[in-house]
Amino acid sequence: MTFKCVESVKLNPNFKKHTFEIFGYDFMIDEKLKPWLIEVNTNPCLDVTSKLLGSYLPRMINDAFKITLDVNFPAPEEAEKATEFPVEGYKDNENMFQHLYSLK
């Protein structure tokens, strides 16, 4: 839905092929545990400012490459194993984006 809001103004369909961008979605959760979308950043901060981010950010970037670059340029099997970023609670072959998408 957020992309529909800017589709005619910001997203150029002529430049979509073989490109991708990482967006940062900021949410707040109210007292009833309802999530509220606060903003969407086209240039999200990827600084490692905590141990938790140090664990999640490399995995998030690796997963972004898996669902974009690796589709067009598959890595050899031994290279794939060398680029895993373990995160507690997720299997090495589990894509975190797919997991988060399944939670909706």
N, C-alpha and C. Protein backbone atom coordinates (compact mmCIF):
# COMPACT_ATOMS: atom_id res chain seq x y z
N MET A 1 0.80 -1.19 0.00
CA MET A 1 0.00 0.00 0.00
C MET A 1 0.85 1.27 0.00
N THR A 2 1.97 1.22 0.74
CA THR A 2 2.80 2.43 0.81
C THR A 2 3.39 2.78 -0.56
N PHE A 3 3.65 1.79 -1.39
CA PHE A 3 4.20 2.06 -2.71
C PHE A 3 3.15 2.66 -3.63
N LYS A 4 1.89 2.32 -3.44
CA LYS A 4 0.80 2.88 -4.25
C LYS A 4 0.72 4.40 -4.06
N CYS A 5 1.04 4.87 -2.87
CA CYS A 5 0.95 6.30 -2.57
C CYS A 5 1.91 7.13 -3.41
N VAL A 6 3.04 6.55 -3.79
CA VAL A 6 4.06 7.30 -4.52
C VAL A 6 4.30 6.76 -5.92
N GLU A 7 3.50 5.80 -6.31
CA GLU A 7 3.71 5.10 -7.57
C GLU A 7 3.81 6.05 -8.77
N SER A 8 2.91 6.97 -8.90
CA SER A 8 2.89 7.83 -10.08
C SER A 8 3.89 8.98 -9.99
N VAL A 9 4.39 9.25 -8.83
CA VAL A 9 5.29 10.40 -8.64
C VAL A 9 6.75 10.00 -8.49
N LYS A 10 7.03 8.99 -7.66
CA LYS A 10 8.40 8.67 -7.30
C LYS A 10 8.96 7.40 -7.95
N LEU A 11 8.11 6.44 -8.26
CA LEU A 11 8.59 5.17 -8.79
C LEU A 11 8.52 5.20 -10.32
N ASN A 12 9.66 5.10 -10.95
CA ASN A 12 9.73 5.14 -12.40
C ASN A 12 9.74 3.71 -12.94
N PRO A 13 8.67 3.29 -13.61
CA PRO A 13 8.61 1.91 -14.09
C PRO A 13 9.68 1.57 -15.12
N ASN A 14 10.30 2.57 -15.74
CA ASN A 14 11.34 2.31 -16.72
C ASN A 14 12.66 1.88 -16.08
N PHE A 15 12.81 2.11 -14.80
CA PHE A 15 14.07 1.80 -14.11
C PHE A 15 13.92 0.70 -13.06
N LYS A 16 12.86 -0.10 -13.12
CA LYS A 16 12.63 -1.14 -12.12
C LYS A 16 13.43 -2.40 -12.37
N LYS A 17 13.69 -2.76 -13.61
CA LYS A 17 14.34 -4.02 -13.91
C LYS A 17 15.79 -4.03 -13.40
N HIS A 18 16.15 -5.11 -12.72
CA HIS A 18 17.50 -5.33 -12.20
C HIS A 18 17.92 -4.27 -11.18
N THR A 19 16.98 -3.76 -10.42
CA THR A 19 17.29 -2.83 -9.34
C THR A 19 16.51 -3.21 -8.09
N PHE A 20 16.96 -2.72 -6.97
CA PHE A 20 16.20 -2.88 -5.74
C PHE A 20 16.61 -1.79 -4.77
N GLU A 21 15.79 -1.58 -3.77
CA GLU A 21 16.07 -0.59 -2.75
C GLU A 21 15.56 -1.12 -1.42
N ILE A 22 16.28 -0.83 -0.37
CA ILE A 22 15.85 -1.23 0.96
C ILE A 22 15.17 -0.03 1.60
N PHE A 23 13.94 -0.24 2.05
CA PHE A 23 13.19 0.80 2.73
C PHE A 23 13.16 0.50 4.22
N GLY A 24 13.11 1.54 5.02
CA GLY A 24 13.00 1.37 6.47
C GLY A 24 11.60 1.75 6.91
N TYR A 25 10.87 0.80 7.47
CA TYR A 25 9.52 1.04 7.98
C TYR A 25 9.61 1.23 9.49
N ASP A 26 9.12 2.36 9.98
CA ASP A 26 9.13 2.64 11.42
C ASP A 26 7.71 2.46 11.96
N PHE A 27 7.61 1.62 12.98
CA PHE A 27 6.32 1.33 13.60
C PHE A 27 6.37 1.69 15.08
N MET A 28 5.21 2.00 15.63
CA MET A 28 5.04 2.13 17.08
C MET A 28 3.91 1.18 17.44
N ILE A 29 3.94 0.67 18.65
CA ILE A 29 2.90 -0.24 19.13
C ILE A 29 2.19 0.41 20.30
N ASP A 30 0.85 0.49 20.21
CA ASP A 30 0.10 1.15 21.28
C ASP A 30 -0.16 0.21 22.45
N GLU A 31 -0.87 0.69 23.45
CA GLU A 31 -1.11 -0.09 24.66
C GLU A 31 -1.95 -1.34 24.42
N LYS A 32 -2.65 -1.41 23.28
CA LYS A 32 -3.43 -2.59 22.92
C LYS A 32 -2.65 -3.51 21.98
N LEU A 33 -1.35 -3.23 21.84
CA LEU A 33 -0.43 -3.98 20.98
C LEU A 33 -0.77 -3.87 19.50
N LYS A 34 -1.47 -2.80 19.13
CA LYS A 34 -1.77 -2.54 17.72
C LYS A 34 -0.60 -1.77 17.11
N PRO A 35 -0.04 -2.26 16.00
CA PRO A 35 1.08 -1.53 15.36
C PRO A 35 0.56 -0.37 14.51
N TRP A 36 1.31 0.72 14.53
CA TRP A 36 0.99 1.91 13.73
C TRP A 36 2.21 2.26 12.89
N LEU A 37 2.01 2.40 11.58
CA LEU A 37 3.09 2.82 10.71
C LEU A 37 3.32 4.31 10.91
N ILE A 38 4.52 4.67 11.29
CA ILE A 38 4.86 6.07 11.55
C ILE A 38 5.44 6.73 10.30
N GLU A 39 6.40 6.06 9.67
CA GLU A 39 7.01 6.61 8.46
C GLU A 39 7.73 5.52 7.69
N VAL A 40 8.03 5.81 6.44
CA VAL A 40 8.81 4.92 5.59
C VAL A 40 10.01 5.71 5.11
N ASN A 41 11.20 5.19 5.36
CA ASN A 41 12.44 5.88 4.98
C ASN A 41 13.02 5.26 3.71
N THR A 42 13.35 6.10 2.75
CA THR A 42 13.98 5.60 1.53
C THR A 42 15.49 5.45 1.71
N ASN A 43 16.02 5.95 2.79
CA ASN A 43 17.44 5.83 3.09
C ASN A 43 17.59 5.47 4.57
N PRO A 44 17.22 4.24 4.95
CA PRO A 44 17.23 3.90 6.37
C PRO A 44 18.63 3.80 6.93
N CYS A 45 18.76 4.13 8.20
CA CYS A 45 20.04 4.03 8.90
C CYS A 45 20.35 2.56 9.15
N LEU A 46 21.52 2.13 8.74
CA LEU A 46 21.94 0.75 8.94
C LEU A 46 23.15 0.68 9.88
N ASP A 47 23.27 1.65 10.80
CA ASP A 47 24.36 1.65 11.77
C ASP A 47 24.13 0.58 12.82
N VAL A 48 25.20 -0.09 13.19
CA VAL A 48 25.14 -1.09 14.24
C VAL A 48 25.37 -0.37 15.56
N THR A 49 24.26 -0.06 16.25
CA THR A 49 24.35 0.69 17.50
C THR A 49 24.05 -0.17 18.72
N SER A 50 23.79 -1.46 18.49
CA SER A 50 23.54 -2.38 19.60
C SER A 50 23.89 -3.79 19.17
N LYS A 51 23.99 -4.68 20.16
CA LYS A 51 24.29 -6.09 19.87
C LYS A 51 23.17 -6.70 19.02
N LEU A 52 21.93 -6.32 19.32
CA LEU A 52 20.79 -6.84 18.55
C LEU A 52 20.88 -6.44 17.08
N LEU A 53 21.16 -5.16 16.81
CA LEU A 53 21.30 -4.72 15.42
C LEU A 53 22.52 -5.35 14.76
N GLY A 54 23.57 -5.59 15.54
CA GLY A 54 24.75 -6.26 15.00
C GLY A 54 24.44 -7.67 14.54
N SER A 55 23.42 -8.26 15.12
CA SER A 55 22.99 -9.60 14.72
C SER A 55 22.02 -9.55 13.54
N TYR A 56 21.07 -8.63 13.56
CA TYR A 56 20.01 -8.59 12.55
C TYR A 56 20.40 -7.91 11.24
N LEU A 57 21.15 -6.83 11.29
CA LEU A 57 21.45 -6.08 10.06
C LEU A 57 22.24 -6.88 9.03
N PRO A 58 23.33 -7.56 9.39
CA PRO A 58 24.02 -8.36 8.37
C PRO A 58 23.11 -9.43 7.75
N ARG A 59 22.27 -10.04 8.58
CA ARG A 59 21.35 -11.06 8.07
C ARG A 59 20.31 -10.42 7.15
N MET A 60 19.79 -9.26 7.50
CA MET A 60 18.80 -8.56 6.69
C MET A 60 19.39 -8.20 5.32
N ILE A 61 20.61 -7.69 5.31
CA ILE A 61 21.25 -7.33 4.04
C ILE A 61 21.53 -8.58 3.22
N ASN A 62 22.01 -9.63 3.87
CA ASN A 62 22.26 -10.89 3.17
C ASN A 62 20.96 -11.43 2.56
N ASP A 63 19.87 -11.40 3.31
CA ASP A 63 18.58 -11.87 2.79
C ASP A 63 18.10 -10.99 1.63
N ALA A 64 18.34 -9.68 1.71
CA ALA A 64 17.97 -8.79 0.61
C ALA A 64 18.71 -9.17 -0.67
N PHE A 65 19.98 -9.50 -0.54
CA PHE A 65 20.75 -9.94 -1.71
C PHE A 65 20.24 -11.29 -2.23
N LYS A 66 19.86 -12.18 -1.31
CA LYS A 66 19.37 -13.49 -1.73
C LYS A 66 18.11 -13.38 -2.59
N ILE A 67 17.21 -12.46 -2.23
CA ILE A 67 15.95 -12.37 -2.97
C ILE A 67 16.04 -11.42 -4.17
N THR A 68 17.21 -10.81 -4.36
CA THR A 68 17.37 -9.91 -5.52
C THR A 68 18.52 -10.37 -6.40
N LEU A 69 19.73 -10.19 -5.95
CA LEU A 69 20.90 -10.51 -6.76
C LEU A 69 21.07 -12.00 -7.03
N ASP A 70 20.89 -12.82 -5.99
CA ASP A 70 21.11 -14.25 -6.16
C ASP A 70 20.13 -14.90 -7.13
N VAL A 71 18.97 -14.28 -7.32
CA VAL A 71 18.01 -14.80 -8.29
C VAL A 71 18.59 -14.71 -9.70
N ASN A 72 19.27 -13.62 -10.00
CA ASN A 72 19.86 -13.41 -11.32
C ASN A 72 21.29 -13.93 -11.44
N PHE A 73 22.02 -13.94 -10.31
CA PHE A 73 23.41 -14.36 -10.31
C PHE A 73 23.64 -15.35 -9.16
N PRO A 74 23.19 -16.59 -9.30
CA PRO A 74 23.31 -17.56 -8.20
C PRO A 74 24.76 -17.78 -7.79
N ALA A 75 24.99 -17.82 -6.49
CA ALA A 75 26.33 -18.07 -5.96
C ALA A 75 26.60 -19.57 -5.96
N PRO A 76 27.87 -19.96 -6.12
CA PRO A 76 28.20 -21.38 -5.98
C PRO A 76 27.82 -21.85 -4.57
N GLU A 77 27.53 -23.12 -4.43
CA GLU A 77 27.03 -23.65 -3.15
C GLU A 77 27.99 -23.36 -1.99
N GLU A 78 29.30 -23.50 -2.21
CA GLU A 78 30.25 -23.24 -1.13
C GLU A 78 30.28 -21.76 -0.73
N ALA A 79 30.03 -20.86 -1.67
CA ALA A 79 29.98 -19.43 -1.35
C ALA A 79 28.74 -19.11 -0.55
N GLU A 80 27.64 -19.78 -0.85
CA GLU A 80 26.39 -19.58 -0.12
C GLU A 80 26.57 -19.90 1.36
N LYS A 81 27.25 -21.00 1.66
CA LYS A 81 27.47 -21.40 3.05
C LYS A 81 28.39 -20.42 3.78
N ALA A 82 29.29 -19.80 3.06
CA ALA A 82 30.24 -18.87 3.68
C ALA A 82 29.61 -17.53 4.03
N THR A 83 28.43 -17.24 3.47
CA THR A 83 27.83 -15.92 3.71
C THR A 83 26.65 -15.97 4.66
N GLU A 84 26.47 -17.07 5.39
CA GLU A 84 25.37 -17.15 6.34
C GLU A 84 25.64 -16.28 7.57
N PHE A 85 24.59 -15.66 8.07
CA PHE A 85 24.66 -14.83 9.26
C PHE A 85 23.64 -15.38 10.25
N PRO A 86 24.07 -16.23 11.17
CA PRO A 86 23.11 -16.86 12.07
C PRO A 86 22.43 -15.84 12.99
N VAL A 87 21.13 -16.03 13.17
CA VAL A 87 20.35 -15.23 14.10
C VAL A 87 19.57 -16.22 14.95
N GLU A 88 19.64 -16.05 16.26
CA GLU A 88 18.96 -16.98 17.16
C GLU A 88 17.48 -17.05 16.83
N GLY A 89 16.98 -18.26 16.71
CA GLY A 89 15.56 -18.47 16.42
C GLY A 89 15.24 -18.66 14.95
N TYR A 90 16.24 -18.53 14.08
CA TYR A 90 16.04 -18.70 12.64
C TYR A 90 17.04 -19.72 12.11
N LYS A 91 16.58 -20.57 11.19
CA LYS A 91 17.48 -21.51 10.54
C LYS A 91 18.32 -20.77 9.51
N ASP A 92 19.50 -21.29 9.19
CA ASP A 92 20.37 -20.63 8.22
C ASP A 92 19.71 -20.50 6.84
N ASN A 93 18.87 -21.45 6.48
CA ASN A 93 18.24 -21.38 5.16
C ASN A 93 16.88 -20.68 5.18
N GLU A 94 16.49 -20.13 6.32
CA GLU A 94 15.21 -19.44 6.43
C GLU A 94 15.39 -17.96 6.13
N ASN A 95 14.62 -17.46 5.19
CA ASN A 95 14.67 -16.06 4.82
C ASN A 95 13.84 -15.26 5.82
N MET A 96 14.45 -14.30 6.51
CA MET A 96 13.73 -13.53 7.51
C MET A 96 12.60 -12.71 6.90
N PHE A 97 12.77 -12.24 5.67
CA PHE A 97 11.70 -11.48 5.02
C PHE A 97 10.47 -12.35 4.83
N GLN A 98 10.69 -13.60 4.40
CA GLN A 98 9.56 -14.52 4.23
C GLN A 98 8.89 -14.79 5.57
N HIS A 99 9.68 -14.93 6.62
CA HIS A 99 9.13 -15.17 7.96
C HIS A 99 8.29 -13.96 8.40
N LEU A 100 8.82 -12.77 8.25
CA LEU A 100 8.08 -11.57 8.66
C LEU A 100 6.82 -11.39 7.83
N TYR A 101 6.90 -11.69 6.53
CA TYR A 101 5.73 -11.57 5.67
C TYR A 101 4.64 -12.53 6.09
N SER A 102 5.02 -13.70 6.59
CA SER A 102 4.02 -14.69 7.01
C SER A 102 3.30 -14.29 8.28
N LEU A 103 3.83 -13.32 9.01
CA LEU A 103 3.23 -12.88 10.27
C LEU A 103 2.05 -11.93 10.09
N LYS A 104 1.86 -11.40 8.86
CA LYS A 104 0.81 -10.40 8.66
C LYS A 104 -0.58 -10.93 8.87
